[in-house]
Amino acid sequence: MTAGHPWEGNWKARLYARVREHGHDSLAAFAEARPAVPLHELADELGEHDVAAVQLLSGLLAEAEQSGRVTRFVRDVFVRELADGFPDGWPDVVDEETRFDIAHVLARWTNYTPESHKDEVQRARGALRESPPPPGWRPLGPDDALLRTLLPDDEA
């Protein structure tokens, strides 16, 4: 079932077939079994050459919208982006270099956020800049207490 390129063939069917091969019924279940793993690593696990992280992101968002858990999805994306940019957690020292790296993580997070939640993410970004988390803070999933204060669940 290898297409050889992420956009060849029926990529959605391929994505879900790969998830089932890993013993899960949904993308969300697959991702939840791998908390704080960057999206590109999850995509590589499903198919290094024929699954793209953006495909996984799109599918996860669609499932989150269907289940009314978009805010949790947004927090999950932050956790994965932070783990990718700062595998050892929030930096001990915020200097010119780490400030740039933090901005990069936050920008990716914002870019991957659906329009419905952009304002909330902008507020959360501001809160993180005004009052940074403790050095080494590394949320292990979307239910992290600090993240839930920044982006509380509001879906019905």
Protein backbone atom coordinates (compact mmCIF):
# COMPACT_ATOMS: atom_id res chain seq x y z
CA MET A 1 0.00 0.00 0.00
CA THR A 2 3.01 2.30 -0.22
CA ALA A 3 2.37 5.25 -2.49
CA GLY A 4 5.99 6.45 -2.42
CA HIS A 5 5.01 10.09 -1.98
CA PRO A 6 2.70 11.55 0.67
CA TRP A 7 0.29 13.12 -1.83
CA GLU A 8 0.04 10.22 -4.28
CA GLY A 9 -3.01 8.02 -4.21
CA ASN A 10 -5.69 8.15 -1.55
CA TRP A 11 -3.60 9.55 1.28
CA LYS A 12 -6.50 9.68 3.75
CA ALA A 13 -7.23 5.98 3.29
CA ARG A 14 -3.50 5.22 3.57
CA LEU A 15 -3.25 7.26 6.77
CA TYR A 16 -6.13 5.43 8.44
CA ALA A 17 -4.89 2.05 7.21
CA ARG A 18 -1.52 2.75 8.83
CA VAL A 19 -3.18 3.77 12.08
CA ARG A 20 -5.16 0.51 12.09
CA GLU A 21 -1.92 -1.43 11.40
CA HIS A 22 -0.61 0.12 14.64
CA GLY A 23 -3.68 -1.18 16.49
CA HIS A 24 -5.75 2.01 16.74
CA ASP A 25 -9.18 2.95 15.45
CA SER A 26 -8.46 6.66 15.10
CA LEU A 27 -5.66 9.13 14.58
CA ALA A 28 -6.44 10.60 17.99
CA ALA A 29 -5.97 7.22 19.68
CA PHE A 30 -2.69 6.71 17.83
CA ALA A 31 -1.44 10.17 18.85
CA GLU A 32 -2.62 9.84 22.45
CA ALA A 33 -0.64 6.62 22.77
CA ARG A 34 2.45 8.71 21.92
CA PRO A 35 2.14 11.85 24.06
CA ALA A 36 4.56 14.72 23.45
CA VAL A 37 6.00 13.10 20.31
CA PRO A 38 6.47 15.71 17.55
CA LEU A 39 4.07 15.44 14.63
CA HIS A 40 6.79 14.77 12.08
CA GLU A 41 7.99 11.80 14.14
CA LEU A 42 4.44 10.42 14.34
CA ALA A 43 4.12 10.79 10.57
CA ASP A 44 7.43 9.01 10.05
CA GLU A 45 6.24 6.18 12.27
CA LEU A 46 3.18 5.76 10.04
CA GLY A 47 5.13 5.97 6.81
CA GLU A 48 8.50 7.66 6.58
CA HIS A 49 8.23 8.45 2.88
CA ASP A 50 4.51 8.49 2.23
CA VAL A 51 2.85 10.15 5.23
CA ALA A 52 3.34 13.87 5.85
CA ALA A 53 2.98 15.55 9.22
CA VAL A 54 0.49 18.02 7.75
CA GLN A 55 -1.73 15.10 6.70
CA LEU A 56 -1.67 13.77 10.24
CA LEU A 57 -2.38 17.26 11.59
CA SER A 58 -5.34 17.66 9.23
CA GLY A 59 -6.80 14.31 10.25
CA LEU A 60 -6.32 15.02 13.95
CA LEU A 61 -8.07 18.37 13.58
CA ALA A 62 -10.97 16.78 11.70
CA GLU A 63 -11.40 14.19 14.45
CA ALA A 64 -11.17 16.90 17.13
CA GLU A 65 -13.86 18.93 15.38
CA GLN A 66 -16.12 15.87 15.14
CA SER A 67 -15.70 15.09 18.83
CA GLY A 68 -15.87 18.70 20.08
CA ARG A 69 -12.32 18.59 21.44
CA VAL A 70 -10.61 21.28 19.39
CA THR A 71 -9.17 23.12 22.40
CA ARG A 72 -7.58 19.89 23.60
CA PHE A 73 -6.18 19.37 20.07
CA VAL A 74 -4.69 22.88 20.17
CA ARG A 75 -3.02 22.15 23.52
CA ASP A 76 -1.75 18.83 22.17
CA VAL A 77 -0.16 20.56 19.18
CA PHE A 78 1.61 22.96 21.55
CA VAL A 79 2.97 20.05 23.60
CA ARG A 80 4.31 18.38 20.46
CA GLU A 81 5.83 21.60 19.10
CA LEU A 82 7.47 22.40 22.45
CA ALA A 83 8.88 18.86 22.65
CA ASP A 84 10.27 19.28 19.14
CA GLY A 85 11.84 22.68 19.82
CA PHE A 86 12.89 22.09 23.44
CA PRO A 87 13.18 18.35 24.17
CA ASP A 88 14.50 19.14 27.66
CA GLY A 89 11.66 21.53 28.44
CA TRP A 90 11.36 25.29 28.68
CA PRO A 91 14.85 26.82 28.54
CA ASP A 92 16.70 27.71 31.72
CA VAL A 93 18.05 30.89 30.22
CA VAL A 94 16.12 33.13 27.86
CA ASP A 95 18.70 34.95 25.80
CA GLU A 96 18.68 36.15 22.20
CA GLU A 97 19.04 32.63 20.78
CA THR A 98 16.45 30.94 22.98
CA ARG A 99 14.07 33.89 22.56
CA PHE A 100 14.22 33.23 18.80
CA ASP A 101 13.67 29.49 19.35
CA ILE A 102 10.69 30.18 21.64
CA ALA A 103 9.23 32.51 19.03
CA HIS A 104 9.68 29.80 16.40
CA VAL A 105 7.84 27.20 18.51
CA LEU A 106 5.03 29.65 19.26
CA ALA A 107 4.77 30.67 15.59
CA ARG A 108 4.48 27.04 14.45
CA TRP A 109 1.83 26.47 17.10
CA THR A 110 -0.14 29.48 15.88
CA ASN A 111 0.19 28.38 12.25
CA TYR A 112 -1.19 24.94 13.12
CA THR A 113 -4.11 26.40 15.10
CA PRO A 114 -7.54 26.52 13.43
CA GLU A 115 -9.02 30.01 12.94
CA SER A 116 -11.64 29.26 15.59
CA HIS A 117 -8.93 29.24 18.27
CA LYS A 118 -6.39 31.81 17.01
CA ASP A 119 -7.47 34.49 19.51
CA GLU A 120 -7.16 32.10 22.45
CA VAL A 121 -3.71 31.01 21.27
CA GLN A 122 -2.62 34.63 20.88
CA ARG A 123 -3.68 35.29 24.49
CA ALA A 124 -1.87 32.14 25.67
CA ARG A 125 1.28 33.18 23.80
CA GLY A 126 1.13 36.57 25.48
CA ALA A 127 0.74 34.95 28.88
CA LEU A 128 3.74 32.69 28.24
CA ARG A 129 5.86 35.70 27.26
CA GLU A 130 4.70 37.83 30.21
CA SER A 131 5.03 35.07 32.78
CA PRO A 132 7.21 32.27 31.43
CA PRO A 133 6.81 28.79 32.84
CA PRO A 134 9.51 27.45 35.14
CA PRO A 135 12.76 26.29 33.52
CA GLY A 136 12.49 22.69 32.40
CA TRP A 137 8.69 22.78 32.13
CA ARG A 138 7.78 20.09 29.64
CA PRO A 139 4.12 19.22 29.47
CA LEU A 140 3.65 15.55 28.74
CA GLY A 141 0.22 15.91 27.22
CA PRO A 142 -2.66 18.26 26.51
CA ASP A 143 -4.07 17.91 30.02
CA ASP A 144 -1.09 19.63 31.67
CA ALA A 145 -2.37 21.89 34.46
CA LEU A 146 -0.58 25.03 33.22
CA LEU A 147 -1.79 24.49 29.67
CA ARG A 148 -5.35 24.03 30.91
CA THR A 149 -5.16 27.41 32.66
CA LEU A 150 -3.90 29.02 29.44
CA LEU A 151 -6.45 27.24 27.22
CA PRO A 152 -9.33 25.84 29.25
CA ASP A 153 -11.80 23.48 27.62
CA ASP A 154 -14.83 25.37 26.43
CA GLU A 155 -16.48 22.96 24.03
CA ALA A 156 -19.88 21.57 24.90
